[in-house]
Structures are given as C-alpha cells and as structure tokens.
Amino acid sequence: PGLGSLLIEGIYEKDILIIQGAVLVIGVTFALSNLIVDVLYMLIDPRIRL
C-alpha cells in the first residue's frame, strides 16, 4: 500500500506506464520539496539569495 509498492509491482509486471507514472510522481515530489526547503531557508536567513 504505497507508491513504492506500486513501483515494485510495476517493475515485476513490466508495466511501463506504471513505472513512468511512479517515477514522475517521485521526481516531482522531490523537486517541489527541495524548492520549498530553499524558499523557507531564504525566509529564515535573509543573507541567502536564490
């Protein structure tokens, strides 16, 4: 029950669409979380510029 389980099942079943979708969701989540952390860090420490 989760995205990792879905990805593993897609790999076992050789379901390319499931694999692509899961990797896309993981990548977008990772990128957005990094962006949010950078913006919060900039707000906390005004010496930091993006």
PDB file of N, CA and C in Angstrom:
ATOM      1  N   PRO A   1       0.828  -1.198   0.000  1.00  0.00           N
ATOM      2  CA  PRO A   1       0.000   0.000   0.000  1.00  0.00           C
ATOM      3  C   PRO A   1       0.871   1.261   0.000  1.00  0.00           C
ATOM      4  N   GLY A   2       1.252   1.676  -1.158  1.00  0.00           N
ATOM      5  CA  GLY A   2       2.059   2.879  -1.267  1.00  0.00           C
ATOM      6  C   GLY A   2       2.675   2.989  -2.640  1.00  0.00           C
ATOM      7  N   LEU A   3       3.340   4.097  -2.853  1.00  0.00           N
ATOM      8  CA  LEU A   3       3.927   4.347  -4.163  1.00  0.00           C
ATOM      9  C   LEU A   3       5.095   3.411  -4.441  1.00  0.00           C
ATOM     10  N   GLY A   4       5.882   3.105  -3.426  1.00  0.00           N
ATOM     11  CA  GLY A   4       6.995   2.178  -3.607  1.00  0.00           C
ATOM     12  C   GLY A   4       6.521   0.786  -3.981  1.00  0.00           C
ATOM     13  N   SER A   5       5.475   0.329  -3.319  1.00  0.00           N
ATOM     14  CA  SER A   5       4.907  -0.985  -3.643  1.00  0.00           C
ATOM     15  C   SER A   5       4.365  -1.008  -5.063  1.00  0.00           C
ATOM     16  N   LEU A   6       3.714   0.080  -5.454  1.00  0.00           N
ATOM     17  CA  LEU A   6       3.192   0.176  -6.816  1.00  0.00           C
ATOM     18  C   LEU A   6       4.323   0.136  -7.832  1.00  0.00           C
ATOM     19  N   LEU A   7       5.410   0.837  -7.538  1.00  0.00           N
ATOM     20  CA  LEU A   7       6.556   0.856  -8.446  1.00  0.00           C
ATOM     21  C   LEU A   7       7.178  -0.535  -8.565  1.00  0.00           C
ATOM     22  N   ILE A   8       7.371  -1.206  -7.456  1.00  0.00           N
ATOM     23  CA  ILE A   8       7.945  -2.555  -7.478  1.00  0.00           C
ATOM     24  C   ILE A   8       7.036  -3.515  -8.242  1.00  0.00           C
ATOM     25  N   GLU A   9       5.741  -3.411  -8.006  1.00  0.00           N
ATOM     26  CA  GLU A   9       4.797  -4.279  -8.722  1.00  0.00           C
ATOM     27  C   GLU A   9       4.826  -3.984 -10.222  1.00  0.00           C
ATOM     28  N   GLY A  10       4.919  -2.716 -10.581  1.00  0.00           N
ATOM     29  CA  GLY A  10       5.016  -2.349 -11.992  1.00  0.00           C
ATOM     30  C   GLY A  10       6.272  -2.894 -12.637  1.00  0.00           C
ATOM     31  N   ILE A  11       7.368  -2.909 -11.887  1.00  0.00           N
ATOM     32  CA  ILE A  11       8.620  -3.470 -12.409  1.00  0.00           C
ATOM     33  C   ILE A  11       8.476  -4.973 -12.623  1.00  0.00           C
ATOM     34  N   TYR A  12       7.891  -5.657 -11.643  1.00  0.00           N
ATOM     35  CA  TYR A  12       7.704  -7.106 -11.786  1.00  0.00           C
ATOM     36  C   TYR A  12       6.795  -7.442 -12.961  1.00  0.00           C
ATOM     37  N   GLU A  13       5.754  -6.633 -13.154  1.00  0.00           N
ATOM     38  CA  GLU A  13       4.791  -6.887 -14.228  1.00  0.00           C
ATOM     39  C   GLU A  13       5.238  -6.298 -15.564  1.00  0.00           C
ATOM     40  N   LYS A  14       6.358  -5.568 -15.562  1.00  0.00           N
ATOM     41  CA  LYS A  14       6.873  -4.895 -16.768  1.00  0.00           C
ATOM     42  C   LYS A  14       5.838  -3.930 -17.354  1.00  0.00           C
ATOM     43  N   ASP A  15       5.176  -3.192 -16.455  1.00  0.00           N
ATOM     44  CA  ASP A  15       4.161  -2.211 -16.849  1.00  0.00           C
ATOM     45  C   ASP A  15       4.825  -0.834 -16.927  1.00  0.00           C
ATOM     46  N   ILE A  16       5.176  -0.448 -18.146  1.00  0.00           N
ATOM     47  CA  ILE A  16       5.955   0.769 -18.356  1.00  0.00           C
ATOM     48  C   ILE A  16       5.197   2.013 -17.899  1.00  0.00           C
ATOM     49  N   LEU A  17       3.893   2.072 -18.143  1.00  0.00           N
ATOM     50  CA  LEU A  17       3.130   3.259 -17.754  1.00  0.00           C
ATOM     51  C   LEU A  17       3.117   3.452 -16.241  1.00  0.00           C
ATOM     52  N   ILE A  18       2.977   2.373 -15.497  1.00  0.00           N
ATOM     53  CA  ILE A  18       3.005   2.459 -14.033  1.00  0.00           C
ATOM     54  C   ILE A  18       4.383   2.917 -13.568  1.00  0.00           C
ATOM     55  N   ILE A  19       5.432   2.372 -14.159  1.00  0.00           N
ATOM     56  CA  ILE A  19       6.797   2.745 -13.787  1.00  0.00           C
ATOM     57  C   ILE A  19       7.035   4.222 -14.087  1.00  0.00           C
ATOM     58  N   GLN A  20       6.657   4.666 -15.288  1.00  0.00           N
ATOM     59  CA  GLN A  20       6.848   6.068 -15.659  1.00  0.00           C
ATOM     60  C   GLN A  20       6.059   6.994 -14.743  1.00  0.00           C
ATOM     61  N   GLY A  21       4.832   6.642 -14.458  1.00  0.00           N
ATOM     62  CA  GLY A  21       4.000   7.473 -13.587  1.00  0.00           C
ATOM     63  C   GLY A  21       4.559   7.576 -12.185  1.00  0.00           C
ATOM     64  N   ALA A  22       4.990   6.450 -11.636  1.00  0.00           N
ATOM     65  CA  ALA A  22       5.533   6.451 -10.283  1.00  0.00           C
ATOM     66  C   ALA A  22       6.830   7.245 -10.215  1.00  0.00           C
ATOM     67  N   VAL A  23       7.703   7.071 -11.203  1.00  0.00           N
ATOM     68  CA  VAL A  23       8.968   7.812 -11.222  1.00  0.00           C
ATOM     69  C   VAL A  23       8.697   9.303 -11.390  1.00  0.00           C
ATOM     70  N   LEU A  24       7.718   9.662 -12.210  1.00  0.00           N
ATOM     71  CA  LEU A  24       7.362  11.064 -12.395  1.00  0.00           C
ATOM     72  C   LEU A  24       6.861  11.674 -11.092  1.00  0.00           C
ATOM     73  N   VAL A  25       5.976  10.972 -10.400  1.00  0.00           N
ATOM     74  CA  VAL A  25       5.444  11.476  -9.135  1.00  0.00           C
ATOM     75  C   VAL A  25       6.556  11.624  -8.104  1.00  0.00           C
ATOM     76  N   ILE A  26       7.439  10.641  -8.012  1.00  0.00           N
ATOM     77  CA  ILE A  26       8.553  10.717  -7.062  1.00  0.00           C
ATOM     78  C   ILE A  26       9.469  11.881  -7.412  1.00  0.00           C
ATOM     79  N   GLY A  27       9.784  12.052  -8.691  1.00  0.00           N
ATOM     80  CA  GLY A  27      10.666  13.139  -9.114  1.00  0.00           C
ATOM     81  C   GLY A  27      10.073  14.508  -8.852  1.00  0.00           C
ATOM     82  N   VAL A  28       8.794  14.690  -9.181  1.00  0.00           N
ATOM     83  CA  VAL A  28       8.139  15.982  -8.954  1.00  0.00           C
ATOM     84  C   VAL A  28       8.049  16.275  -7.463  1.00  0.00           C
ATOM     85  N   THR A  29       7.730  15.270  -6.667  1.00  0.00           N
ATOM     86  CA  THR A  29       7.670  15.456  -5.217  1.00  0.00           C
ATOM     87  C   THR A  29       9.026  15.861  -4.664  1.00  0.00           C
ATOM     88  N   PHE A  30      10.080  15.211  -5.131  1.00  0.00           N
ATOM     89  CA  PHE A  30      11.436  15.532  -4.682  1.00  0.00           C
ATOM     90  C   PHE A  30      11.808  16.959  -5.068  1.00  0.00           C
ATOM     91  N   ALA A  31      11.525  17.347  -6.306  1.00  0.00           N
ATOM     92  CA  ALA A  31      11.872  18.687  -6.778  1.00  0.00           C
ATOM     93  C   ALA A  31      11.089  19.758  -6.020  1.00  0.00           C
ATOM     94  N   LEU A  32       9.802  19.544  -5.825  1.00  0.00           N
ATOM     95  CA  LEU A  32       8.994  20.524  -5.103  1.00  0.00           C
ATOM     96  C   LEU A  32       9.411  20.639  -3.643  1.00  0.00           C
ATOM     97  N   SER A  33       9.740  19.523  -3.018  1.00  0.00           N
ATOM     98  CA  SER A  33      10.174  19.591  -1.621  1.00  0.00           C
ATOM     99  C   SER A  33      11.494  20.341  -1.501  1.00  0.00           C
ATOM    100  N   ASN A  34      12.409  20.148  -2.451  1.00  0.00           N
ATOM    101  CA  ASN A  34      13.658  20.906  -2.433  1.00  0.00           C
ATOM    102  C   ASN A  34      13.408  22.393  -2.640  1.00  0.00           C
ATOM    103  N   LEU A  35      12.500  22.747  -3.531  1.00  0.00           N
ATOM    104  CA  LEU A  35      12.167  24.149  -3.767  1.00  0.00           C
ATOM    105  C   LEU A  35      11.569  24.782  -2.519  1.00  0.00           C
ATOM    106  N   ILE A  36      10.664  24.072  -1.861  1.00  0.00           N
ATOM    107  CA  ILE A  36      10.040  24.590  -0.646  1.00  0.00           C
ATOM    108  C   ILE A  36      11.078  24.798   0.447  1.00  0.00           C
ATOM    109  N   VAL A  37      11.985  23.853   0.610  1.00  0.00           N
ATOM    110  CA  VAL A  37      13.041  23.990   1.618  1.00  0.00           C
ATOM    111  C   VAL A  37      13.929  25.187   1.303  1.00  0.00           C
ATOM    112  N   ASP A  38      14.278  25.385   0.032  1.00  0.00           N
ATOM    113  CA  ASP A  38      15.107  26.530  -0.348  1.00  0.00           C
ATOM    114  C   ASP A  38      14.410  27.851  -0.045  1.00  0.00           C
ATOM    115  N   VAL A  39      13.133  27.945  -0.355  1.00  0.00           N
ATOM    116  CA  VAL A  39      12.393  29.179  -0.094  1.00  0.00           C
ATOM    117  C   VAL A  39      12.282  29.426   1.404  1.00  0.00           C
ATOM    118  N   LEU A  40      11.993  28.388   2.172  1.00  0.00           N
ATOM    119  CA  LEU A  40      11.910  28.555   3.624  1.00  0.00           C
ATOM    120  C   LEU A  40      13.253  28.962   4.209  1.00  0.00           C
ATOM    121  N   TYR A  41      14.326  28.389   3.701  1.00  0.00           N
ATOM    122  CA  TYR A  41      15.661  28.745   4.176  1.00  0.00           C
ATOM    123  C   TYR A  41      15.965  30.203   3.858  1.00  0.00           C
ATOM    124  N   MET A  42      15.523  30.668   2.693  1.00  0.00           N
ATOM    125  CA  MET A  42      15.728  32.060   2.319  1.00  0.00           C
ATOM    126  C   MET A  42      14.933  32.980   3.251  1.00  0.00           C
ATOM    127  N   LEU A  43      13.734  32.572   3.640  1.00  0.00           N
ATOM    128  CA  LEU A  43      12.926  33.392   4.540  1.00  0.00           C
ATOM    129  C   LEU A  43      13.507  33.421   5.949  1.00  0.00           C
ATOM    130  N   ILE A  44      14.096  32.322   6.372  1.00  0.00           N
ATOM    131  CA  ILE A  44      14.675  32.254   7.713  1.00  0.00           C
ATOM    132  C   ILE A  44      15.968  33.050   7.791  1.00  0.00           C
ATOM    133  N   ASP A  45      16.807  32.942   6.782  1.00  0.00           N
ATOM    134  CA  ASP A  45      18.109  33.620   6.766  1.00  0.00           C
ATOM    135  C   ASP A  45      18.144  34.590   5.584  1.00  0.00           C
ATOM    136  N   PRO A  46      17.950  35.885   5.847  1.00  0.00           N
ATOM    137  CA  PRO A  46      17.865  36.856   4.750  1.00  0.00           C
ATOM    138  C   PRO A  46      19.168  37.023   3.959  1.00  0.00           C
ATOM    139  N   ARG A  47      20.278  36.524   4.452  1.00  0.00           N
ATOM    140  CA  ARG A  47      21.539  36.632   3.705  1.00  0.00           C
ATOM    141  C   ARG A  47      21.552  35.718   2.489  1.00  0.00           C
ATOM    142  N   ILE A  48      20.688  34.711   2.479  1.00  0.00           N
ATOM    143  CA  ILE A  48      20.628  33.751   1.377  1.00  0.00           C
ATOM    144  C   ILE A  48      19.769  34.330   0.259  1.00  0.00           C
ATOM    145  N   ARG A  49      20.268  34.228  -0.976  1.00  0.00           N
ATOM    146  CA  ARG A  49      19.504  34.675  -2.140  1.00  0.00           C
ATOM    147  C   ARG A  49      19.380  33.511  -3.111  1.00  0.00           C
ATOM    148  N   LEU A  50      18.227  33.425  -3.746  1.00  0.00           N
ATOM    149  CA  LEU A  50      18.011  32.374  -4.743  1.00  0.00           C
ATOM    150  C   LEU A  50      18.432  32.841  -6.104  1.00  0.00           C
TER     151      LEU A  50
END
